[in-house]
Protein backbone atom coordinates (compact mmCIF):
# COMPACT_ATOMS: atom_id res chain seq x y z
CA MET A 1 21.23 -44.46 -16.28
CA GLN A 2 24.29 -44.45 -18.52
CA PRO A 3 25.53 -42.05 -21.19
CA LYS A 4 24.31 -43.12 -24.61
CA ALA A 5 26.13 -42.75 -27.90
CA HIS A 6 23.65 -40.83 -30.03
CA ALA A 7 23.44 -37.89 -32.38
CA PRO A 8 23.78 -34.46 -30.75
CA SER A 9 20.47 -33.03 -29.59
CA PHE A 10 19.31 -29.65 -28.34
CA PHE A 11 16.95 -31.27 -25.83
CA MET A 12 17.13 -33.68 -22.90
CA ALA A 13 16.68 -37.42 -23.33
CA ASP A 14 13.12 -38.58 -24.00
CA GLU A 15 13.21 -40.99 -21.06
CA LEU A 16 14.14 -38.30 -18.55
CA ARG A 17 11.69 -35.81 -20.07
CA GLN A 18 8.83 -38.28 -19.81
CA GLU A 19 9.73 -39.09 -16.22
CA LEU A 20 9.72 -35.40 -15.26
CA ILE A 21 6.44 -34.82 -17.08
CA ASN A 22 4.83 -37.73 -15.24
CA ARG A 23 6.03 -36.36 -11.91
CA HIS A 24 4.64 -32.95 -12.78
CA LEU A 25 1.26 -34.43 -13.72
CA ILE A 26 1.08 -36.28 -10.40
CA THR A 27 2.08 -33.14 -8.50
CA MET A 28 -0.63 -31.09 -10.23
CA ALA A 29 -3.39 -33.72 -9.83
CA GLN A 30 -6.59 -32.45 -8.21
CA VAL A 31 -9.61 -34.24 -6.80
CA ASP A 32 -13.24 -33.63 -7.67
CA GLU A 33 -14.87 -32.69 -4.37
CA ALA A 34 -18.17 -34.15 -5.57
CA ASP A 35 -16.56 -37.57 -6.02
CA VAL A 36 -14.62 -37.55 -2.74
CA PRO A 37 -16.63 -35.47 -0.25
CA ALA A 38 -14.62 -36.82 2.70
CA VAL A 39 -11.58 -34.80 1.64
CA PRO A 40 -11.66 -31.29 3.15
CA ALA A 41 -10.79 -28.23 1.11
CA GLU A 42 -8.08 -27.12 3.55
CA VAL A 43 -6.21 -28.60 6.50
CA ASP A 44 -4.18 -26.21 8.66
CA GLY A 45 -2.70 -24.22 5.80
CA TYR A 46 -2.59 -27.11 3.30
CA HIS A 47 -5.01 -27.09 0.37
CA SER A 48 -5.75 -29.07 -2.81
CA LEU A 49 -5.68 -32.42 -1.01
CA PHE A 50 -5.49 -35.45 -3.29
CA PRO A 51 -5.65 -39.05 -1.96
CA LEU A 52 -2.50 -41.03 -2.80
CA GLU A 53 -4.05 -44.35 -1.85
CA PRO A 54 -7.62 -45.66 -1.48
CA LEU A 55 -9.29 -44.11 1.53
CA PRO A 56 -10.09 -46.58 4.33
CA PRO A 57 -13.79 -47.40 4.84
CA PRO A 58 -15.55 -45.58 7.67
CA ASN A 59 -16.08 -48.81 9.62
CA ARG A 60 -12.52 -50.05 9.44
CA VAL A 61 -11.33 -51.66 12.66
CA PRO A 62 -8.55 -49.68 14.41
CA GLY A 63 -5.28 -51.55 14.60
CA ALA A 64 -5.74 -53.31 11.27
CA GLY A 65 -3.05 -51.26 9.52
CA SER A 66 0.68 -51.91 9.53
CA LEU A 67 1.18 -49.00 11.94
CA GLY A 68 -1.41 -50.35 14.36
CA CYS A 69 -3.97 -47.68 13.49
CA VAL A 70 -6.12 -46.45 10.63
CA THR A 71 -4.20 -44.06 8.35
CA SER A 72 -4.69 -42.33 5.02
CA CYS A 73 -2.29 -40.46 2.76
CA TYR A 74 -2.76 -37.28 0.72
CA LYS A 75 -0.83 -35.00 -1.55
CA ALA A 76 -1.37 -31.38 -0.53
CA VAL A 77 -0.04 -27.93 -1.38
CA SER A 78 1.24 -25.68 1.39
CA GLY A 79 -0.12 -22.15 1.50
CA ARG A 80 3.21 -20.96 2.92
CA ASP A 81 5.57 -21.91 0.11
CA ALA A 82 3.22 -23.31 -2.60
CA LEU A 83 5.13 -26.62 -2.61
CA ALA A 84 3.56 -30.08 -2.59
CA TYR A 85 3.82 -32.22 0.55
CA CYS A 86 2.66 -35.66 1.61
CA LEU A 87 0.25 -35.70 4.56
CA ARG A 88 -0.02 -38.95 6.54
CA ARG A 89 -3.20 -38.77 8.62
CA VAL A 90 -3.80 -40.95 11.69
CA HIS A 91 -7.55 -41.29 12.13
CA GLY A 92 -9.23 -40.64 15.47
CA PHE A 93 -6.01 -39.95 17.39
CA ARG A 94 -5.77 -37.56 20.31
CA LEU A 95 -2.27 -36.41 21.26
CA VAL A 96 -2.17 -36.65 25.05
CA ASN A 97 1.56 -36.53 25.81
CA THR A 98 3.38 -33.67 24.08
CA ARG A 99 6.82 -34.84 25.27
CA CYS A 100 7.08 -36.88 22.08
CA MET A 101 7.59 -33.61 20.21
CA VAL A 102 11.21 -33.75 21.32
CA LEU A 103 11.65 -36.79 19.07
CA VAL A 104 9.69 -35.05 16.30
CA ASP A 105 12.11 -32.12 16.42
CA MET A 106 15.01 -34.55 16.11
CA TRP A 107 13.41 -36.15 13.04
CA LYS A 108 12.80 -32.74 11.45
CA LYS A 109 16.51 -31.97 11.67
CA LEU A 110 17.46 -35.24 9.98
CA GLN A 111 18.32 -34.80 6.29
CA HIS A 112 19.34 -37.81 4.19
CA SER A 113 18.98 -38.79 0.56
CA ASN A 114 17.37 -42.13 1.49
CA ILE A 115 14.89 -40.79 4.07
CA VAL A 116 11.63 -38.97 3.37
CA THR A 117 12.09 -35.80 5.42
CA LEU A 118 9.54 -35.06 8.12
CA ARG A 119 8.51 -31.39 8.08
CA GLU A 120 5.91 -31.01 10.81
CA VAL A 121 3.37 -32.81 12.98
CA PHE A 122 0.07 -31.26 14.00
CA THR A 123 -3.40 -32.15 15.24
CA THR A 124 -6.54 -31.12 13.40
CA LYS A 125 -10.30 -31.53 13.36
CA ALA A 126 -10.65 -30.65 9.67
CA PHE A 127 -11.58 -34.27 8.90
CA ALA A 128 -14.63 -34.10 11.21
CA GLU A 129 -12.80 -36.09 13.91
CA PRO A 130 -9.59 -35.61 15.89
CA SER A 131 -6.64 -36.55 13.69
CA LEU A 132 -2.87 -36.45 13.89
CA VAL A 133 -1.14 -35.41 10.67
CA PHE A 134 2.50 -35.94 9.67
CA ALA A 135 3.72 -33.70 6.84
CA TYR A 136 6.56 -35.11 4.72
CA ASP A 137 8.34 -34.11 1.53
CA PHE A 138 6.40 -35.26 -1.52
CA HIS A 139 8.18 -37.49 -4.04
CA ALA A 140 5.93 -37.74 -7.09
CA GLY A 141 5.76 -41.10 -8.80
CA GLY A 142 7.05 -43.05 -5.81
CA GLU A 143 5.76 -46.54 -5.14
CA THR A 144 6.37 -48.88 -2.24
CA LEU A 145 8.63 -51.90 -2.27
CA LEU A 146 5.49 -53.93 -1.58
CA SER A 147 3.84 -52.90 -4.85
CA ARG A 148 7.09 -53.01 -6.85
CA HIS A 149 8.39 -56.45 -5.86
CA PHE A 150 5.88 -58.49 -3.87
CA ASN A 151 3.42 -59.34 -6.61
CA ASP A 152 4.57 -62.82 -7.65
CA PRO A 153 1.83 -65.41 -6.90
CA SER A 154 4.25 -68.30 -7.48
CA ALA A 155 6.56 -67.02 -4.73
CA ASP A 156 3.70 -66.66 -2.24
CA ALA A 157 2.42 -70.11 -3.14
CA TYR A 158 5.87 -71.62 -2.57
CA PHE A 159 6.06 -70.24 0.99
CA SER A 160 2.39 -70.65 1.93
CA LYS A 161 1.41 -73.38 4.37
CA ARG A 162 -0.21 -76.37 2.63
CA LYS A 163 -1.82 -79.27 4.47
CA TRP A 164 -2.17 -81.46 1.41
CA GLY A 165 -0.81 -81.80 -2.10
CA PRO A 166 2.74 -81.30 -3.36
CA ARG A 167 4.49 -78.04 -2.61
CA PRO A 168 4.61 -75.71 -5.65
CA ALA A 169 7.87 -75.18 -7.49
CA PRO A 170 10.13 -72.36 -6.28
CA PRO A 171 9.73 -68.99 -8.04
CA ALA A 172 11.54 -68.87 -11.35
CA ARG A 173 12.08 -65.09 -11.51
CA LEU A 174 14.02 -63.53 -8.67
CA PRO A 175 15.54 -60.03 -8.46
CA PRO A 176 19.14 -59.69 -9.68
CA GLU A 177 21.72 -59.65 -6.91
CA SER A 178 23.08 -56.29 -8.05
CA LEU A 179 19.68 -54.73 -7.32
CA LEU A 180 19.58 -56.29 -3.85
CA TRP A 181 23.01 -54.90 -2.99
CA ALA A 182 21.92 -51.49 -4.26
CA TYR A 183 19.01 -51.66 -1.84
CA VAL A 184 21.26 -52.85 1.00
CA VAL A 185 23.68 -49.95 0.49
CA GLN A 186 20.88 -47.37 0.54
CA LEU A 187 18.96 -48.82 3.48
CA SER A 188 22.08 -49.33 5.58
CA SER A 189 23.12 -45.76 4.81
CA ALA A 190 19.74 -44.51 6.03
CA LEU A 191 19.98 -46.61 9.21
CA ARG A 192 23.52 -45.38 9.83
CA THR A 193 22.35 -41.76 9.82
CA ILE A 194 19.25 -42.49 11.90
CA HIS A 195 21.14 -44.40 14.59
CA ALA A 196 23.92 -41.80 14.70
CA ALA A 197 21.27 -39.18 15.49
CA GLY A 198 20.09 -41.20 18.49
CA LEU A 199 16.89 -42.36 16.78
CA ALA A 200 15.44 -45.63 15.51
CA CYS A 201 13.66 -46.23 12.22
CA ARG A 202 10.98 -48.72 13.41
CA VAL A 203 9.17 -48.72 10.02
CA LEU A 204 11.58 -50.75 7.90
CA GLU A 205 9.08 -52.90 6.03
CA PRO A 206 8.04 -53.25 2.36
CA SER A 207 4.99 -50.99 2.67
CA LYS A 208 7.00 -48.15 4.24
CA VAL A 209 9.93 -47.92 1.82
CA LEU A 210 9.41 -45.83 -1.32
CA VAL A 211 11.01 -46.55 -4.69
CA THR A 212 11.46 -43.75 -7.22
CA GLY A 213 12.96 -44.30 -10.65
CA ARG A 214 14.59 -47.66 -11.12
CA SER A 215 16.21 -48.29 -7.75
CA ARG A 216 16.21 -45.15 -5.58
CA LEU A 217 14.94 -45.93 -2.08
CA ARG A 218 13.58 -43.62 0.61
CA VAL A 219 12.41 -44.76 4.05
CA ASN A 220 8.93 -43.34 4.62
CA CYS A 221 6.76 -42.67 7.69
CA VAL A 222 9.70 -41.98 9.99
CA GLY A 223 8.72 -40.69 13.41
CA VAL A 224 5.17 -42.08 13.32
CA CYS A 225 5.86 -44.96 15.73
CA ASP A 226 7.72 -42.64 18.10
CA VAL A 227 4.60 -40.49 18.47
CA LEU A 228 1.96 -43.23 18.48
CA THR A 229 3.68 -45.44 21.07
CA PHE A 230 5.16 -42.74 23.30
CA ASP A 231 4.30 -42.90 27.01
CA ASN A 232 5.73 -41.64 30.26
CA SER A 233 7.59 -44.88 30.90
CA GLN A 234 9.99 -44.03 28.11
CA SER A 235 11.40 -41.11 30.06
CA SER A 236 12.85 -43.42 32.77
CA ASN A 237 15.53 -45.00 30.59
CA PRO A 238 15.19 -43.64 27.04
CA LEU A 239 18.70 -44.62 25.93
CA ALA A 240 18.22 -48.30 26.73
CA LEU A 241 14.84 -48.34 25.01
CA MET A 242 16.23 -46.63 21.92
CA ALA A 243 19.08 -49.17 21.81
CA GLN A 244 16.50 -51.97 21.73
CA TYR A 245 14.69 -50.28 18.87
CA GLN A 246 17.97 -49.91 16.94
CA GLN A 247 18.69 -53.61 17.34
CA ALA A 248 15.18 -54.31 16.06
CA ASP A 249 15.98 -52.16 13.00
CA LEU A 250 18.82 -54.51 12.06
CA VAL A 251 16.52 -57.52 12.34
CA ALA A 252 13.93 -55.71 10.21
CA LEU A 253 16.61 -55.01 7.60
CA GLY A 254 17.51 -58.69 7.47
CA LYS A 255 13.86 -59.69 7.05
CA LEU A 256 13.38 -57.11 4.31
CA VAL A 257 16.44 -58.27 2.35
CA LEU A 258 15.37 -61.91 2.71
CA ALA A 259 11.84 -61.10 1.54
CA LEU A 260 13.16 -59.14 -1.45
CA ALA A 261 15.50 -61.97 -2.42
CA CYS A 262 12.59 -64.46 -2.41
CA ASN A 263 9.93 -62.12 -3.87
CA SER A 264 7.55 -62.89 -1.02
CA ALA A 265 6.63 -61.26 2.27
CA LEU A 266 5.73 -64.66 3.71
CA VAL A 267 9.38 -65.62 4.23
CA VAL A 268 9.59 -63.57 7.44
CA GLN A 269 7.43 -66.16 9.19
CA ARG A 270 9.65 -68.30 11.40
CA ASP A 271 8.70 -71.59 9.70
CA ASN A 272 9.64 -70.24 6.27
CA VAL A 273 13.07 -68.78 7.11
CA PRO A 274 15.06 -72.04 6.57
CA ARG A 275 13.42 -72.63 3.19
CA ALA A 276 14.02 -69.00 2.23
CA LEU A 277 17.71 -69.21 3.18
CA GLU A 278 18.00 -72.36 1.08
CA LEU A 279 16.57 -70.46 -1.89
CA VAL A 280 19.06 -67.65 -1.28
CA SER A 281 21.95 -70.15 -1.21
CA LEU A 282 20.92 -71.52 -4.61
CA HIS A 283 20.51 -68.23 -6.44
CA TYR A 284 22.78 -65.70 -4.75
CA SER A 285 26.31 -65.35 -3.43
CA ALA A 286 27.50 -66.49 -0.03
CA ASP A 287 28.02 -62.84 0.96
CA LEU A 288 24.33 -62.08 0.65
CA LYS A 289 23.37 -65.15 2.67
CA ASN A 290 25.92 -64.28 5.37
CA LEU A 291 24.52 -60.75 5.53
CA VAL A 292 21.00 -62.07 6.11
CA LEU A 293 22.20 -64.62 8.69
CA TYR A 294 24.09 -61.93 10.60
CA LEU A 295 21.10 -59.59 10.70
CA LEU A 296 18.62 -62.30 11.72
CA ALA A 297 20.81 -64.09 14.28
CA GLU A 298 20.00 -63.74 17.94
CA PRO A 299 22.42 -61.04 19.12
CA GLY A 300 24.82 -62.15 21.82
CA ARG A 301 26.13 -58.61 21.99
CA PRO A 302 24.84 -55.26 20.71
CA ARG A 303 25.32 -54.99 16.98
CA SER A 304 25.85 -51.94 14.81
CA VAL A 305 24.94 -51.12 11.24
CA HIS A 306 28.65 -50.44 10.70
CA ASP A 307 29.31 -54.18 11.10
CA ILE A 308 27.74 -54.97 7.71
CA MET A 309 30.07 -52.65 5.79
CA PRO A 310 32.76 -55.35 5.33
CA MET A 311 30.07 -57.66 3.94
CA ILE A 312 29.12 -55.04 1.35
CA GLY A 313 32.78 -54.60 0.44
CA ALA A 314 33.66 -53.38 -3.03
CA ARG A 315 29.99 -53.41 -4.06
CA PHE A 316 29.77 -50.01 -2.41
CA TYR A 317 32.01 -48.60 -5.16
CA THR A 318 29.69 -50.07 -7.79
CA GLN A 319 26.78 -48.12 -6.33
CA LEU A 320 28.90 -44.98 -6.01
CA ASP A 321 29.93 -45.26 -9.66
CA ALA A 322 26.30 -45.75 -10.74
CA ALA A 323 25.19 -42.68 -8.76
CA GLN A 324 27.95 -40.52 -10.22
CA MET A 325 27.22 -41.75 -13.74
CA ARG A 326 23.56 -40.85 -13.35
CA SER A 327 24.60 -37.44 -12.03
CA ASP A 328 26.77 -36.90 -15.14
CA VAL A 329 23.88 -37.78 -17.46
CA ILE A 330 21.45 -35.48 -15.66
CA GLU A 331 23.98 -32.61 -15.59
CA GLU A 332 24.51 -33.03 -19.33
CA ASP A 333 20.78 -32.78 -19.96
CA LEU A 334 20.51 -29.88 -17.50
CA ALA A 335 23.18 -27.99 -19.44
CA LYS A 336 21.05 -28.31 -22.58
CA GLU A 337 18.02 -26.89 -20.79
CA VAL A 338 20.08 -23.99 -19.43
CA GLN A 339 20.92 -23.02 -23.00
CA ASN A 340 17.32 -23.54 -24.08
CA GLY A 341 16.16 -21.28 -21.26
CA ARG A 342 18.54 -18.57 -22.43
CA LEU A 343 17.26 -18.82 -26.00
CA PHE A 344 13.66 -18.79 -24.78
CA ARG A 345 14.28 -15.48 -23.00
CA LEU A 346 15.65 -14.04 -26.23
CA LEU A 347 12.57 -15.16 -28.16
CA ALA A 348 10.27 -13.82 -25.43
CA LYS A 349 11.91 -10.39 -25.63
CA LEU A 350 11.82 -10.46 -29.42
CA GLY A 351 8.12 -11.33 -29.33
CA THR A 352 7.31 -8.29 -27.18
CA ILE A 353 8.90 -6.04 -29.82
CA ASN A 354 7.78 -7.49 -33.16
CA GLU A 355 4.34 -6.53 -34.54
CA ARG A 356 3.44 -4.37 -31.52
CA PRO A 357 0.21 -2.65 -32.60
CA GLU A 358 0.99 0.70 -31.02
CA PHE A 359 3.57 2.27 -28.73
CA GLN A 360 3.76 5.86 -27.54
CA LYS A 361 0.76 6.70 -29.80
CA ASP A 362 2.70 5.62 -32.88
CA PRO A 363 1.01 2.78 -34.82
CA ALA A 364 4.11 2.41 -37.01
CA TRP A 365 6.52 2.12 -34.09
CA ALA A 366 7.27 -1.58 -34.69
CA GLU A 367 7.87 -0.95 -38.41
CA THR A 368 10.42 1.87 -38.21
CA GLY A 369 13.95 2.49 -36.99
CA ASP A 370 15.69 -0.22 -35.04
CA ARG A 371 12.44 -2.20 -34.78
CA TYR A 372 12.36 -2.64 -38.55
CA LEU A 373 15.74 -4.38 -38.44
CA LEU A 374 14.43 -6.72 -35.74
CA LYS A 375 11.35 -7.48 -37.84
CA LEU A 376 13.56 -8.44 -40.79
CA PHE A 377 15.69 -10.55 -38.46
CA ARG A 378 12.54 -12.34 -37.26
CA ASP A 379 11.71 -13.19 -40.87
CA HIS A 380 15.31 -14.37 -41.37
CA LEU A 381 14.87 -16.70 -38.41
CA PHE A 382 11.51 -18.27 -39.10
CA HIS A 383 10.40 -17.52 -42.66
CA GLN A 384 13.16 -18.98 -44.83
CA VAL A 385 12.12 -20.67 -48.09
CA THR A 386 13.82 -22.95 -50.59
CA ALA A 387 14.59 -22.04 -54.22
CA ALA A 388 11.21 -23.53 -55.14
CA GLY A 389 9.42 -21.36 -52.57
CA ALA A 390 8.69 -24.17 -50.08
CA PRO A 391 9.14 -23.47 -46.35
CA TRP A 392 12.68 -24.28 -45.20
CA ILE A 393 12.63 -25.33 -41.55
CA ASP A 394 15.96 -25.92 -39.84
CA LEU A 395 16.22 -25.80 -36.05
CA SER A 396 20.00 -25.54 -36.17
CA HIS A 397 19.69 -22.35 -38.26
CA ILE A 398 17.38 -20.78 -35.64
CA VAL A 399 19.62 -21.78 -32.73
CA SER A 400 22.78 -20.62 -34.49
CA CYS A 401 21.34 -17.19 -35.34
CA LEU A 402 19.98 -16.66 -31.83
CA ASN A 403 23.35 -17.56 -30.29
CA LYS A 404 25.10 -15.10 -32.60
CA LEU A 405 22.57 -12.41 -31.65
CA ASP A 406 23.07 -13.06 -27.94
CA ALA A 407 26.84 -12.86 -28.31
CA GLY A 408 26.76 -9.85 -30.68
CA VAL A 409 29.39 -11.31 -33.01
CA PRO A 410 30.80 -9.08 -35.78
CA GLU A 411 29.61 -11.46 -38.50
CA ARG A 412 27.58 -9.75 -41.23
CA ILE A 413 24.05 -10.84 -42.09
CA SER A 414 21.91 -9.94 -45.11
CA LEU A 415 18.32 -9.04 -44.26
CA SER A 416 15.76 -8.77 -47.05
CA SER A 417 12.28 -7.25 -46.94
CA ARG A 418 9.29 -9.40 -47.80
CA ASP A 419 8.83 -7.71 -51.17
CA ALA A 420 12.58 -8.16 -51.85
CA LYS A 421 12.86 -4.46 -52.79
CA SER A 422 15.30 -3.62 -50.01
CA VAL A 423 18.30 -5.51 -48.64
CA LEU A 424 20.15 -4.44 -45.50
CA VAL A 425 23.56 -5.78 -44.49
CA VAL A 426 24.26 -5.47 -40.77
CA THR A 427 26.30 -7.29 -38.15
CA TYR A 428 24.91 -9.31 -35.29
CA GLY A 429 26.50 -6.72 -33.02
CA ASP A 430 24.30 -4.02 -34.60
CA LEU A 431 21.24 -6.22 -34.16
CA LYS A 432 22.06 -6.82 -30.50
CA ARG A 433 22.40 -3.08 -29.87
CA CYS A 434 19.00 -2.45 -31.52
CA PHE A 435 17.50 -5.36 -29.60
CA GLU A 436 18.71 -4.23 -26.16
CA ASN A 437 17.89 -0.57 -26.67
CA THR A 438 14.37 -1.32 -27.86
CA PHE A 439 13.60 -3.73 -25.04
CA GLN A 440 14.94 -1.28 -22.43
CA GLU A 441 12.66 1.37 -23.95
CA LEU A 442 9.68 -0.95 -23.39
CA LEU A 443 10.77 -1.70 -19.82
CA ALA A 444 11.19 1.99 -19.00
CA ALA A 445 7.74 2.79 -20.37
CA GLY A 446 6.19 -0.06 -18.37
CA ALA A 447 7.89 1.07 -15.14
CA ALA A 448 6.73 4.66 -15.62
CA GLU A 449 3.03 3.68 -15.54
């Protein structure tokens, strides 16, 4: 997102507004219980569950999923803070060894911009069977790398095994290299934080990495493998086992980058790796190929995610510049909405005063004294007409007058009654005094009840 040269506007950019509206709609989505009876009304303090993906069939074979078990995902609202969360349910799971909660506590403390934060893990029977539920932060509108990038039939056909006929042509449309490096920077940053905390990701695959916006990545489902595969044997030498998992994370990163570069998840098969590297050599720089080769090579010594930083090189500054530029654009739009919020509060207060039917047993309260000046000012704001008597609508006039009222400037303003028989000349400072005194009178009367 870059700053655009356009005419000044009182409102945020249409693109950002639409994105926020879409996220809000997804956050507020609710399910019809008649259509999805398998979804309970409440699960351990979470309510308004909404499936984020198709629910698995009742007869699905355990172990068929990418996590080695049957899972389902829901958006839910917490009764504690009224915020939306993502619940990842593991079907038919009984938690036998509670020592894994030590790792869960470590994941809960981990905060990173490229990791979906784990909030809590609990067991429940609300789904009519024992289930283990992982509660994560909810990022509305997110989609997986699998659905975003791995939908090119020509790429899958190129890497599929064929016993007869000529091999199809290589895919014509591949992701730009700048996007791949943006992904590498974010994923390596997430791994760096995870490994520094003494943990391992273990879910670095296309179906477990979320994409929000154009290129923002977040590693999802962290901590699930640590709980599902935990046993007492891990307590004998946990550091050595975690080091193995961290080395496996680097291999998984290499496979993910290679699959993204070729637009196909089939490239991770051993027979397809040479052909995939050849495709990378033809379409991308030598740095990207060297990065993939380093990550996929059989390690002669323990490797670290820090080793790939020299391969990223100055591309890191490109991503930093893009992030800061997006921050500038969003802050500029946020500043507009701060001003709009201030003006909205002024209009809300003005609306509580104008045309009030009765106050303190006086039906004419809103038409006399200071309130009469505010009524004339309301007409000056919204009921202007041209010389021909047609409505004259100018947003800049409304905004300018409200700003002057809020500041109480000494500028004089001429207010005319609707019958044009009386004209009052006052300053915005006088109007502000009338406005504040009248609103405080309403507040005091409301507090006294």
